[in-house]
Amino acid sequence: MSSHDNGIGMFPQLLGVSQFLENHPAVMDVKFYDKAGATKADVSKWEQANTPFVLPDDLLSFLAISDGFLLKWNISLSRSLPQSIGNTHINPLSQITRHDDGTLEEGKVAFTIDNTPTMFGRVCLVFDKATPTVSTFWFQSLDCTWHYISKSYTDYFRLLIMHLGLPGWCYTFTDTALPSVTEEWFSFLSPERYHIDLLRGDRHTSSKKPALMDLDKISEYLDKGLFNSGNASSSNTGSGATEEKVDRKRKK
């Protein structure tokens, strides 16, 4: 199976991220976990269990190719032991579950997209009960406040891969500064894209129309191949009925 037949090929920019990581001298052990896609029966079962809410088309298209997503990588400087830093993750359909802790405004319903520990919070798909077919993506930080990220899964996924799955990257959408480790590694690994975050200006508050990162600018950076380092060729991942791990270890 070629890389464009699985989850890594749904958004071409992801292939560039993978190549960038594999070619960075400080990055090692880039691992992409390939999963079979969710079936129509799986989607129907989810929608029956969570009626009247309907997942957005772009998310369903992604899950049909790869039911969940995980791209991990380590970093090593000089002779230091490798540190696990990157964790780009999307929950499988079975784990996109309702999250209700009483902190959302009345009439809103949230479903968890990612609550791995390195998020320092959780990313949720949020619906208004009055419009159960329309959803947006929000980040709930550790203080239980909610912060708008994007209007679509496509936009969220672009932001996710742009930030390389660094710990707590969603804090760029809050009034709280990025975790220091994230800021340091992001500025080291990708100073150009880190600069985009610095240019955002006002941080998101409780406004329903927050100041957003310029997604057109992000796409411009991605489309120009600024994730690429050198002339790396596309890396293939193997297929499997459930999950197959691809381990690309850099030779020293």
C-alpha atoms as a PDB file:
ATOM      1  CA  MET A   1       0.000   0.000   0.000  1.00  0.00           C
ATOM      2  CA  SER A   2       1.428   3.369  -0.955  1.00  0.00           C
ATOM      3  CA  SER A   3       1.448   6.273   1.462  1.00  0.00           C
ATOM      4  CA  HIS A   4      -1.231   8.014  -0.576  1.00  0.00           C
ATOM      5  CA  ASP A   5      -3.617   5.093  -0.042  1.00  0.00           C
ATOM      6  CA  ASN A   6      -3.737   5.460   3.716  1.00  0.00           C
ATOM      7  CA  GLY A   7      -4.276   8.177   6.301  1.00  0.00           C
ATOM      8  CA  ILE A   8      -0.968   9.901   5.580  1.00  0.00           C
ATOM      9  CA  GLY A   9      -2.105  10.745   2.059  1.00  0.00           C
ATOM     10  CA  MET A  10      -5.514  12.267   2.809  1.00  0.00           C
ATOM     11  CA  PHE A  11      -4.002  15.705   3.286  1.00  0.00           C
ATOM     12  CA  PRO A  12      -0.846  16.077   1.162  1.00  0.00           C
ATOM     13  CA  GLN A  13       0.695  18.419   3.729  1.00  0.00           C
ATOM     14  CA  LEU A  14       0.993  15.505   6.161  1.00  0.00           C
ATOM     15  CA  LEU A  15       3.432  13.779   3.855  1.00  0.00           C
ATOM     16  CA  GLY A  16       5.574  16.915   3.955  1.00  0.00           C
ATOM     17  CA  VAL A  17       5.528  16.884   7.762  1.00  0.00           C
ATOM     18  CA  SER A  18       6.606  13.259   7.804  1.00  0.00           C
ATOM     19  CA  GLN A  19       9.475  13.995   5.430  1.00  0.00           C
ATOM     20  CA  PHE A  20      10.493  17.071   7.434  1.00  0.00           C
ATOM     21  CA  LEU A  21      10.675  15.048  10.639  1.00  0.00           C
ATOM     22  CA  GLU A  22      12.567  12.177   9.039  1.00  0.00           C
ATOM     23  CA  ASN A  23      15.164  14.529   7.601  1.00  0.00           C
ATOM     24  CA  HIS A  24      15.685  16.692  10.684  1.00  0.00           C
ATOM     25  CA  PRO A  25      19.068  15.825  12.263  1.00  0.00           C
ATOM     26  CA  ALA A  26      17.678  15.983  15.815  1.00  0.00           C
ATOM     27  CA  VAL A  27      14.575  13.870  15.172  1.00  0.00           C
ATOM     28  CA  MET A  28      14.535  10.092  15.323  1.00  0.00           C
ATOM     29  CA  ASP A  29      12.179   7.123  15.616  1.00  0.00           C
ATOM     30  CA  VAL A  30       9.395   8.589  13.489  1.00  0.00           C
ATOM     31  CA  LYS A  31       6.527   6.136  13.784  1.00  0.00           C
ATOM     32  CA  PHE A  32       3.257   6.192  11.874  1.00  0.00           C
ATOM     33  CA  TYR A  33       0.554   3.852  13.104  1.00  0.00           C
ATOM     34  CA  ASP A  34      -1.587   2.763  10.182  1.00  0.00           C
ATOM     35  CA  LYS A  35      -5.184   1.760  10.913  1.00  0.00           C
ATOM     36  CA  ALA A  36      -7.973   0.362   8.785  1.00  0.00           C
ATOM     37  CA  GLY A  37     -10.822   2.754   8.052  1.00  0.00           C
ATOM     38  CA  ALA A  38     -14.139   2.881   9.857  1.00  0.00           C
ATOM     39  CA  THR A  39     -16.988   1.205   7.988  1.00  0.00           C
ATOM     40  CA  LYS A  40     -20.401   2.629   7.159  1.00  0.00           C
ATOM     41  CA  ALA A  41     -21.807   0.252   9.768  1.00  0.00           C
ATOM     42  CA  ASP A  42     -19.447   1.754  12.360  1.00  0.00           C
ATOM     43  CA  VAL A  43     -20.630   5.265  11.480  1.00  0.00           C
ATOM     44  CA  SER A  44     -24.283   4.217  11.571  1.00  0.00           C
ATOM     45  CA  LYS A  45     -23.780   2.649  15.000  1.00  0.00           C
ATOM     46  CA  TRP A  46     -22.148   5.858  16.289  1.00  0.00           C
ATOM     47  CA  GLU A  47     -24.928   8.056  14.936  1.00  0.00           C
ATOM     48  CA  GLN A  48     -27.637   5.810  16.409  1.00  0.00           C
ATOM     49  CA  ALA A  49     -25.939   5.928  19.804  1.00  0.00           C
ATOM     50  CA  ASN A  50     -25.492   9.714  19.648  1.00  0.00           C
ATOM     51  CA  THR A  51     -28.602  10.846  17.783  1.00  0.00           C
ATOM     52  CA  PRO A  52     -29.399  13.540  16.679  1.00  0.00           C
ATOM     53  CA  PHE A  53     -25.739  14.577  16.286  1.00  0.00           C
ATOM     54  CA  VAL A  54     -23.970  13.987  12.961  1.00  0.00           C
ATOM     55  CA  LEU A  55     -20.216  14.011  12.455  1.00  0.00           C
ATOM     56  CA  PRO A  56     -18.915  16.465   9.815  1.00  0.00           C
ATOM     57  CA  ASP A  57     -18.244  15.115   6.328  1.00  0.00           C
ATOM     58  CA  ASP A  58     -14.513  15.872   6.324  1.00  0.00           C
ATOM     59  CA  LEU A  59     -14.010  13.996   9.604  1.00  0.00           C
ATOM     60  CA  LEU A  60     -16.031  11.042   8.298  1.00  0.00           C
ATOM     61  CA  SER A  61     -13.936  11.005   5.105  1.00  0.00           C
ATOM     62  CA  PHE A  62     -10.767  10.879   7.210  1.00  0.00           C
ATOM     63  CA  LEU A  63     -12.074   8.105   9.472  1.00  0.00           C
ATOM     64  CA  ALA A  64     -13.128   6.095   6.423  1.00  0.00           C
ATOM     65  CA  ILE A  65      -9.462   6.029   5.397  1.00  0.00           C
ATOM     66  CA  SER A  66      -7.915   5.673   8.855  1.00  0.00           C
ATOM     67  CA  ASP A  67     -10.040   5.037  11.936  1.00  0.00           C
ATOM     68  CA  GLY A  68      -7.959   7.172  14.240  1.00  0.00           C
ATOM     69  CA  PHE A  69      -4.488   8.529  13.710  1.00  0.00           C
ATOM     70  CA  LEU A  70      -1.146   8.500  15.478  1.00  0.00           C
ATOM     71  CA  LEU A  71       2.230   9.877  14.402  1.00  0.00           C
ATOM     72  CA  LYS A  72       4.952   9.873  17.068  1.00  0.00           C
ATOM     73  CA  TRP A  73       8.587  10.920  17.092  1.00  0.00           C
ATOM     74  CA  ASN A  74      11.510  11.364  19.452  1.00  0.00           C
ATOM     75  CA  ILE A  75      14.245  13.939  19.635  1.00  0.00           C
ATOM     76  CA  SER A  76      17.896  13.564  20.594  1.00  0.00           C
ATOM     77  CA  LEU A  77      20.584  16.210  20.857  1.00  0.00           C
ATOM     78  CA  SER A  78      24.263  15.334  20.934  1.00  0.00           C
ATOM     79  CA  ARG A  79      24.698  12.252  23.128  1.00  0.00           C
ATOM     80  CA  SER A  80      21.559  12.764  25.182  1.00  0.00           C
ATOM     81  CA  LEU A  81      19.023   9.978  25.445  1.00  0.00           C
ATOM     82  CA  PRO A  82      16.057  10.270  23.050  1.00  0.00           C
ATOM     83  CA  GLN A  83      13.042  12.117  24.432  1.00  0.00           C
ATOM     84  CA  SER A  84       9.493  11.376  23.319  1.00  0.00           C
ATOM     85  CA  ILE A  85       8.167  14.747  22.130  1.00  0.00           C
ATOM     86  CA  GLY A  86       5.818  14.481  19.147  1.00  0.00           C
ATOM     87  CA  ASN A  87       2.353  12.937  19.498  1.00  0.00           C
ATOM     88  CA  THR A  88      -0.005  13.759  16.631  1.00  0.00           C
ATOM     89  CA  HIS A  89      -3.219  11.966  17.528  1.00  0.00           C
ATOM     90  CA  ILE A  90      -6.889  11.634  16.547  1.00  0.00           C
ATOM     91  CA  ASN A  91      -9.261   9.340  18.445  1.00  0.00           C
ATOM     92  CA  PRO A  92     -10.805   6.398  16.580  1.00  0.00           C
ATOM     93  CA  LEU A  93     -14.551   6.569  16.064  1.00  0.00           C
ATOM     94  CA  SER A  94     -15.277   4.326  19.057  1.00  0.00           C
ATOM     95  CA  GLN A  95     -13.473   6.813  21.318  1.00  0.00           C
ATOM     96  CA  ILE A  96     -15.207   9.936  20.008  1.00  0.00           C
ATOM     97  CA  THR A  97     -17.396   9.947  23.064  1.00  0.00           C
ATOM     98  CA  ARG A  98     -19.574  12.515  24.763  1.00  0.00           C
ATOM     99  CA  HIS A  99     -17.805  14.741  27.285  1.00  0.00           C
ATOM    100  CA  ASP A 100     -20.003  16.440  29.861  1.00  0.00           C
ATOM    101  CA  ASP A 101     -18.353  17.992  32.900  1.00  0.00           C
ATOM    102  CA  GLY A 102     -20.785  20.879  33.282  1.00  0.00           C
ATOM    103  CA  THR A 103     -18.385  23.538  31.999  1.00  0.00           C
ATOM    104  CA  LEU A 104     -19.887  24.171  28.539  1.00  0.00           C
ATOM    105  CA  GLU A 105     -22.532  26.836  28.145  1.00  0.00           C
ATOM    106  CA  GLU A 106     -26.118  25.627  28.201  1.00  0.00           C
ATOM    107  CA  GLY A 107     -27.312  24.056  24.959  1.00  0.00           C
ATOM    108  CA  LYS A 108     -23.843  22.868  23.875  1.00  0.00           C
ATOM    109  CA  VAL A 109     -22.680  19.254  23.587  1.00  0.00           C
ATOM    110  CA  ALA A 110     -19.050  18.090  23.251  1.00  0.00           C
ATOM    111  CA  PHE A 111     -17.458  14.912  21.890  1.00  0.00           C
ATOM    112  CA  THR A 112     -13.785  14.183  22.572  1.00  0.00           C
ATOM    113  CA  ILE A 113     -11.442  14.104  19.576  1.00  0.00           C
ATOM    114  CA  ASP A 114      -8.172  13.966  21.518  1.00  0.00           C
ATOM    115  CA  ASN A 115      -7.512  13.789  25.254  1.00  0.00           C
ATOM    116  CA  THR A 116      -4.058  12.209  25.291  1.00  0.00           C
ATOM    117  CA  PRO A 117      -1.919  13.390  28.244  1.00  0.00           C
ATOM    118  CA  THR A 118       0.399  15.481  26.054  1.00  0.00           C
ATOM    119  CA  MET A 119      -2.518  17.731  25.083  1.00  0.00           C
ATOM    120  CA  PHE A 120      -2.631  19.189  28.622  1.00  0.00           C
ATOM    121  CA  GLY A 121      -6.387  19.315  28.103  1.00  0.00           C
ATOM    122  CA  ARG A 122      -8.711  17.945  25.462  1.00  0.00           C
ATOM    123  CA  VAL A 123      -9.892  18.786  21.948  1.00  0.00           C
ATOM    124  CA  CYS A 124     -13.609  18.365  21.345  1.00  0.00           C
ATOM    125  CA  LEU A 125     -16.129  18.555  18.563  1.00  0.00           C
ATOM    126  CA  VAL A 126     -18.818  20.891  19.897  1.00  0.00           C
ATOM    127  CA  PHE A 127     -22.447  20.987  18.742  1.00  0.00           C
ATOM    128  CA  ASP A 128     -25.333  23.276  19.517  1.00  0.00           C
ATOM    129  CA  LYS A 129     -28.406  21.195  20.383  1.00  0.00           C
ATOM    130  CA  ALA A 130     -30.444  23.443  18.091  1.00  0.00           C
ATOM    131  CA  THR A 131     -28.233  22.570  15.087  1.00  0.00           C
ATOM    132  CA  PRO A 132     -27.030  18.969  15.601  1.00  0.00           C
ATOM    133  CA  THR A 133     -25.518  18.724  12.118  1.00  0.00           C
ATOM    134  CA  VAL A 134     -23.217  21.743  12.580  1.00  0.00           C
ATOM    135  CA  SER A 135     -20.083  21.496  14.702  1.00  0.00           C
ATOM    136  CA  THR A 136     -16.879  23.369  15.519  1.00  0.00           C
ATOM    137  CA  PHE A 137     -13.609  22.382  17.191  1.00  0.00           C
ATOM    138  CA  TRP A 138     -12.697  23.624  20.663  1.00  0.00           C
ATOM    139  CA  PHE A 139      -9.913  23.096  23.196  1.00  0.00           C
ATOM    140  CA  GLN A 140     -10.667  22.642  26.896  1.00  0.00           C
ATOM    141  CA  SER A 141      -7.575  23.631  28.874  1.00  0.00           C
ATOM    142  CA  LEU A 142      -6.611  22.247  32.274  1.00  0.00           C
ATOM    143  CA  ASP A 143      -8.475  25.064  34.046  1.00  0.00           C
ATOM    144  CA  CYS A 144     -11.647  23.740  32.331  1.00  0.00           C
ATOM    145  CA  THR A 145     -12.147  26.843  30.193  1.00  0.00           C
ATOM    146  CA  TRP A 146     -13.049  26.432  26.512  1.00  0.00           C
ATOM    147  CA  HIS A 147     -11.200  27.962  23.555  1.00  0.00           C
ATOM    148  CA  TYR A 148     -12.288  28.001  19.932  1.00  0.00           C
ATOM    149  CA  ILE A 149      -9.872  26.433  17.426  1.00  0.00           C
ATOM    150  CA  SER A 150     -11.556  25.979  14.038  1.00  0.00           C
ATOM    151  CA  LYS A 151     -14.799  25.664  12.146  1.00  0.00           C
ATOM    152  CA  SER A 152     -13.916  22.370  10.416  1.00  0.00           C
ATOM    153  CA  TYR A 153     -11.943  19.182  10.854  1.00  0.00           C
ATOM    154  CA  THR A 154      -9.839  20.034   7.809  1.00  0.00           C
ATOM    155  CA  ASP A 155      -8.730  23.301   9.406  1.00  0.00           C
ATOM    156  CA  TYR A 156      -8.100  21.585  12.749  1.00  0.00           C
ATOM    157  CA  PHE A 157      -6.016  18.865  11.129  1.00  0.00           C
ATOM    158  CA  ARG A 158      -3.878  21.451   9.330  1.00  0.00           C
ATOM    159  CA  LEU A 159      -3.177  23.154  12.647  1.00  0.00           C
ATOM    160  CA  LEU A 160      -2.430  19.830  14.334  1.00  0.00           C
ATOM    161  CA  ILE A 161       0.207  18.808  11.808  1.00  0.00           C
ATOM    162  CA  MET A 162       1.630  22.313  11.551  1.00  0.00           C
ATOM    163  CA  HIS A 163       2.366  22.220  15.279  1.00  0.00           C
ATOM    164  CA  LEU A 164       4.062  18.817  14.868  1.00  0.00           C
ATOM    165  CA  GLY A 165       2.068  17.224  17.689  1.00  0.00           C
ATOM    166  CA  LEU A 166       4.113  19.111  20.285  1.00  0.00           C
ATOM    167  CA  PRO A 167       2.889  18.949  23.902  1.00  0.00           C
ATOM    168  CA  GLY A 168       0.143  21.433  24.696  1.00  0.00           C
ATOM    169  CA  TRP A 169       0.248  23.134  21.281  1.00  0.00           C
ATOM    170  CA  CYS A 170      -3.410  24.149  21.591  1.00  0.00           C
ATOM    171  CA  TYR A 171      -2.481  26.699  24.244  1.00  0.00           C
ATOM    172  CA  THR A 172      -1.622  29.017  21.372  1.00  0.00           C
ATOM    173  CA  PHE A 173      -5.405  29.562  21.225  1.00  0.00           C
ATOM    174  CA  THR A 174      -5.731  30.533  24.873  1.00  0.00           C
ATOM    175  CA  ASP A 175      -4.764  33.444  27.109  1.00  0.00           C
ATOM    176  CA  THR A 176      -2.151  31.184  28.676  1.00  0.00           C
ATOM    177  CA  ALA A 177       1.334  31.002  27.205  1.00  0.00           C
ATOM    178  CA  LEU A 178       2.500  27.842  25.503  1.00  0.00           C
ATOM    179  CA  PRO A 179       4.193  25.334  27.819  1.00  0.00           C
ATOM    180  CA  SER A 180       7.851  26.320  27.946  1.00  0.00           C
ATOM    181  CA  VAL A 181       9.013  22.980  26.546  1.00  0.00           C
ATOM    182  CA  THR A 182       6.667  23.379  23.587  1.00  0.00           C
ATOM    183  CA  GLU A 183       7.792  26.923  22.895  1.00  0.00           C
ATOM    184  CA  GLU A 184      11.445  25.936  23.022  1.00  0.00           C
ATOM    185  CA  TRP A 185      11.125  22.896  20.765  1.00  0.00           C
ATOM    186  CA  PHE A 186       8.780  24.631  18.324  1.00  0.00           C
ATOM    187  CA  SER A 187      11.124  27.604  17.913  1.00  0.00           C
ATOM    188  CA  PHE A 188      14.041  25.191  17.473  1.00  0.00           C
ATOM    189  CA  LEU A 189      12.387  22.795  15.045  1.00  0.00           C
ATOM    190  CA  SER A 190      10.328  25.244  13.040  1.00  0.00           C
ATOM    191  CA  PRO A 191      11.172  28.928  13.631  1.00  0.00           C
ATOM    192  CA  GLU A 192       9.178  30.078  10.573  1.00  0.00           C
ATOM    193  CA  ARG A 193       5.968  28.453  11.749  1.00  0.00           C
ATOM    194  CA  TYR A 194       6.637  29.474  15.340  1.00  0.00           C
ATOM    195  CA  HIS A 195       6.789  33.041  14.060  1.00  0.00           C
ATOM    196  CA  ILE A 196       3.241  32.658  12.668  1.00  0.00           C
ATOM    197  CA  ASP A 197       2.007  31.986  16.196  1.00  0.00           C
ATOM    198  CA  LEU A 198       3.836  35.043  17.492  1.00  0.00           C
ATOM    199  CA  LEU A 199       2.108  37.154  14.833  1.00  0.00           C
ATOM    200  CA  ARG A 200      -1.352  36.050  15.927  1.00  0.00           C
ATOM    201  CA  GLY A 201      -1.649  39.039  18.228  1.00  0.00           C
ATOM    202  CA  ASP A 202      -4.607  38.849  20.564  1.00  0.00           C
ATOM    203  CA  ARG A 203      -5.136  35.548  22.345  1.00  0.00           C
ATOM    204  CA  HIS A 204      -8.539  33.918  22.328  1.00  0.00           C
ATOM    205  CA  THR A 205     -10.910  34.915  25.113  1.00  0.00           C
ATOM    206  CA  SER A 206     -14.539  33.988  25.681  1.00  0.00           C
ATOM    207  CA  SER A 207     -15.599  35.862  22.538  1.00  0.00           C
ATOM    208  CA  LYS A 208     -17.725  33.856  20.136  1.00  0.00           C
ATOM    209  CA  LYS A 209     -15.722  35.366  17.278  1.00  0.00           C
ATOM    210  CA  PRO A 210     -12.137  35.016  18.443  1.00  0.00           C
ATOM    211  CA  ALA A 211      -9.061  36.254  16.648  1.00  0.00           C
ATOM    212  CA  LEU A 212      -7.884  33.183  14.752  1.00  0.00           C
ATOM    213  CA  MET A 213      -4.584  32.109  13.347  1.00  0.00           C
ATOM    214  CA  ASP A 214      -4.530  32.914   9.642  1.00  0.00           C
ATOM    215  CA  LEU A 215      -5.318  29.528   8.085  1.00  0.00           C
ATOM    216  CA  ASP A 216      -4.641  30.856   4.599  1.00  0.00           C
ATOM    217  CA  LYS A 217      -1.129  31.769   5.728  1.00  0.00           C
ATOM    218  CA  ILE A 218      -0.691  28.316   7.206  1.00  0.00           C
ATOM    219  CA  SER A 219      -1.813  26.673   3.971  1.00  0.00           C
ATOM    220  CA  GLU A 220       0.584  28.906   2.037  1.00  0.00           C
ATOM    221  CA  TYR A 221       3.485  27.707   4.182  1.00  0.00           C
ATOM    222  CA  LEU A 222       2.383  24.096   3.796  1.00  0.00           C
ATOM    223  CA  ASP A 223       1.802  24.297   0.048  1.00  0.00           C
ATOM    224  CA  LYS A 224       5.213  25.893  -0.516  1.00  0.00           C
ATOM    225  CA  GLY A 225       6.775  22.788   0.966  1.00  0.00           C
ATOM    226  CA  LEU A 226       8.305  24.546   3.954  1.00  0.00           C
ATOM    227  CA  PHE A 227       7.873  21.330   5.918  1.00  0.00           C
ATOM    228  CA  ASN A 228      10.256  19.611   3.520  1.00  0.00           C
ATOM    229  CA  SER A 229      13.946  19.287   4.196  1.00  0.00           C
ATOM    230  CA  GLY A 230      15.986  18.135   1.237  1.00  0.00           C
ATOM    231  CA  ASN A 231      14.573  16.014  -1.541  1.00  0.00           C
ATOM    232  CA  ALA A 232      13.180  13.163   0.453  1.00  0.00           C
ATOM    233  CA  SER A 233      11.094  10.591  -1.333  1.00  0.00           C
ATOM    234  CA  SER A 234       7.662   9.533  -0.142  1.00  0.00           C
ATOM    235  CA  SER A 235       7.833   6.891   2.564  1.00  0.00           C
ATOM    236  CA  ASN A 236       5.488   3.940   2.349  1.00  0.00           C
ATOM    237  CA  THR A 237       3.644   2.404   5.225  1.00  0.00           C
ATOM    238  CA  GLY A 238       2.477  -1.136   5.352  1.00  0.00           C
ATOM    239  CA  SER A 239      -1.160  -2.140   5.474  1.00  0.00           C
ATOM    240  CA  GLY A 240      -2.823  -4.334   8.058  1.00  0.00           C
ATOM    241  CA  ALA A 241      -6.273  -5.511   9.115  1.00  0.00           C
ATOM    242  CA  THR A 242      -5.964  -3.671  12.416  1.00  0.00           C
ATOM    243  CA  GLU A 243      -2.795  -1.696  13.058  1.00  0.00           C
ATOM    244  CA  GLU A 244       0.721  -1.816  11.689  1.00  0.00           C
ATOM    245  CA  LYS A 245       3.601   0.217  13.060  1.00  0.00           C
ATOM    246  CA  VAL A 246       6.166   1.766  10.774  1.00  0.00           C
ATOM    247  CA  ASP A 247       9.414   2.478  12.564  1.00  0.00           C
ATOM    248  CA  ARG A 248      11.865   4.692  10.713  1.00  0.00           C
ATOM    249  CA  LYS A 249      15.060   4.879  12.784  1.00  0.00           C
ATOM    250  CA  ARG A 250      17.688   7.310  11.689  1.00  0.00           C
ATOM    251  CA  LYS A 251      21.111   5.862  11.076  1.00  0.00           C
ATOM    252  CA  LYS A 252      23.847   7.678  12.911  1.00  0.00           C
END
